[in-house]
Amino acid sequence: MNVDDIKCSIFLNGAPHPVRAGAPLPELLAALGLGAGTVLVEHNGRALFPKEWPAIQLRDGDRLEIIRVVAGG
């Protein structure tokens, strides 16, 4: 089995979501079609600055809350 094939389960906005074990957060955001400036991300109860995203490697049981930023009036 290839290490890249190992899956784990995180909770994304409260629902189970499979990801590649150890995947960096930006990889998941890209797969979801989301990028810096369009979302706010909370990882295991801590709000993250976009500059912190590359250092986050997803692990089994992690909890992510992703909120889309919408501007308008």
C-alpha atoms as a PDB file:
ATOM      1  CA  MET A   1       0.000   0.000   0.000  1.00  0.00           C
ATOM      2  CA  ASN A   2       1.271   3.456  -0.924  1.00  0.00           C
ATOM      3  CA  VAL A   3       1.514   5.954   1.955  1.00  0.00           C
ATOM      4  CA  ASP A   4      -0.401   8.457  -0.190  1.00  0.00           C
ATOM      5  CA  ASP A   5      -3.364   6.042  -0.200  1.00  0.00           C
ATOM      6  CA  ILE A   6      -3.836   5.985   3.581  1.00  0.00           C
ATOM      7  CA  LYS A   7      -7.116   7.689   4.414  1.00  0.00           C
ATOM      8  CA  CYS A   8      -8.349   9.169   7.636  1.00  0.00           C
ATOM      9  CA  SER A   9     -11.583  10.829   8.644  1.00  0.00           C
ATOM     10  CA  ILE A  10     -11.918  14.413   9.800  1.00  0.00           C
ATOM     11  CA  PHE A  11     -15.026  16.350  10.731  1.00  0.00           C
ATOM     12  CA  LEU A  12     -15.711  19.111   8.229  1.00  0.00           C
ATOM     13  CA  ASN A  13     -18.368  21.529   9.467  1.00  0.00           C
ATOM     14  CA  GLY A  14     -19.652  18.769  11.765  1.00  0.00           C
ATOM     15  CA  ALA A  15     -19.844  15.962   9.187  1.00  0.00           C
ATOM     16  CA  PRO A  16     -17.340  13.124   8.641  1.00  0.00           C
ATOM     17  CA  HIS A  17     -15.131  13.712   5.599  1.00  0.00           C
ATOM     18  CA  PRO A  18     -12.390  11.399   4.265  1.00  0.00           C
ATOM     19  CA  VAL A  19      -8.962  12.879   3.527  1.00  0.00           C
ATOM     20  CA  ARG A  20      -5.463  11.614   2.834  1.00  0.00           C
ATOM     21  CA  ALA A  21      -3.663  11.151   6.153  1.00  0.00           C
ATOM     22  CA  GLY A  22      -1.130  13.936   6.667  1.00  0.00           C
ATOM     23  CA  ALA A  23      -2.525  16.043   3.812  1.00  0.00           C
ATOM     24  CA  PRO A  24      -1.773  19.739   4.213  1.00  0.00           C
ATOM     25  CA  LEU A  25      -4.800  21.940   4.801  1.00  0.00           C
ATOM     26  CA  PRO A  26      -4.314  23.871   1.512  1.00  0.00           C
ATOM     27  CA  GLU A  27      -4.668  20.565  -0.391  1.00  0.00           C
ATOM     28  CA  LEU A  28      -8.125  20.018   1.100  1.00  0.00           C
ATOM     29  CA  LEU A  29      -9.161  23.626   0.491  1.00  0.00           C
ATOM     30  CA  ALA A  30      -8.058  23.380  -3.149  1.00  0.00           C
ATOM     31  CA  ALA A  31     -10.011  20.134  -3.571  1.00  0.00           C
ATOM     32  CA  LEU A  32     -13.076  21.955  -2.215  1.00  0.00           C
ATOM     33  CA  GLY A  33     -12.490  24.891  -4.582  1.00  0.00           C
ATOM     34  CA  LEU A  34     -11.729  27.284  -1.724  1.00  0.00           C
ATOM     35  CA  GLY A  35      -8.826  29.671  -1.271  1.00  0.00           C
ATOM     36  CA  ALA A  36      -7.363  32.347   0.961  1.00  0.00           C
ATOM     37  CA  GLY A  37      -9.488  35.468   1.040  1.00  0.00           C
ATOM     38  CA  THR A  38     -12.696  33.512   0.488  1.00  0.00           C
ATOM     39  CA  VAL A  39     -12.902  31.505   3.726  1.00  0.00           C
ATOM     40  CA  LEU A  40     -12.171  31.538   7.438  1.00  0.00           C
ATOM     41  CA  VAL A  41     -10.818  28.282   8.871  1.00  0.00           C
ATOM     42  CA  GLU A  42     -10.971  26.957  12.421  1.00  0.00           C
ATOM     43  CA  HIS A  43      -8.853  23.868  13.192  1.00  0.00           C
ATOM     44  CA  ASN A  44      -9.639  21.958  16.388  1.00  0.00           C
ATOM     45  CA  GLY A  45     -11.224  25.038  17.951  1.00  0.00           C
ATOM     46  CA  ARG A  46      -8.528  27.536  16.941  1.00  0.00           C
ATOM     47  CA  ALA A  47      -9.034  30.159  14.232  1.00  0.00           C
ATOM     48  CA  LEU A  48      -6.168  30.174  11.730  1.00  0.00           C
ATOM     49  CA  PHE A  49      -4.534  32.913   9.709  1.00  0.00           C
ATOM     50  CA  PRO A  50      -4.084  31.916   6.046  1.00  0.00           C
ATOM     51  CA  LYS A  51      -0.286  32.034   6.520  1.00  0.00           C
ATOM     52  CA  GLU A  52      -0.679  29.171   9.056  1.00  0.00           C
ATOM     53  CA  TRP A  53      -2.562  26.873   6.661  1.00  0.00           C
ATOM     54  CA  PRO A  54       0.482  25.182   5.027  1.00  0.00           C
ATOM     55  CA  ALA A  55       1.760  24.000   8.429  1.00  0.00           C
ATOM     56  CA  ILE A  56      -1.487  22.164   9.252  1.00  0.00           C
ATOM     57  CA  GLN A  57      -1.359  18.463   8.373  1.00  0.00           C
ATOM     58  CA  LEU A  58      -4.718  16.751   8.668  1.00  0.00           C
ATOM     59  CA  ARG A  59      -5.000  13.831  11.082  1.00  0.00           C
ATOM     60  CA  ASP A  60      -7.737  11.393  11.974  1.00  0.00           C
ATOM     61  CA  GLY A  61     -10.383  13.057  14.129  1.00  0.00           C
ATOM     62  CA  ASP A  62      -9.394  16.657  13.348  1.00  0.00           C
ATOM     63  CA  ARG A  63     -12.272  19.112  13.385  1.00  0.00           C
ATOM     64  CA  LEU A  64     -12.442  21.837  10.758  1.00  0.00           C
ATOM     65  CA  GLU A  65     -14.995  24.590  10.498  1.00  0.00           C
ATOM     66  CA  ILE A  66     -14.854  26.445   7.210  1.00  0.00           C
ATOM     67  CA  ILE A  67     -16.891  29.605   6.764  1.00  0.00           C
ATOM     68  CA  ARG A  68     -17.236  31.357   3.401  1.00  0.00           C
ATOM     69  CA  VAL A  69     -16.633  35.089   3.507  1.00  0.00           C
ATOM     70  CA  VAL A  70     -19.346  36.979   1.647  1.00  0.00           C
ATOM     71  CA  ALA A  71     -19.251  40.704   1.039  1.00  0.00           C
ATOM     72  CA  GLY A  72     -22.137  42.866   0.072  1.00  0.00           C
ATOM     73  CA  GLY A  73     -24.748  45.109   1.387  1.00  0.00           C
END
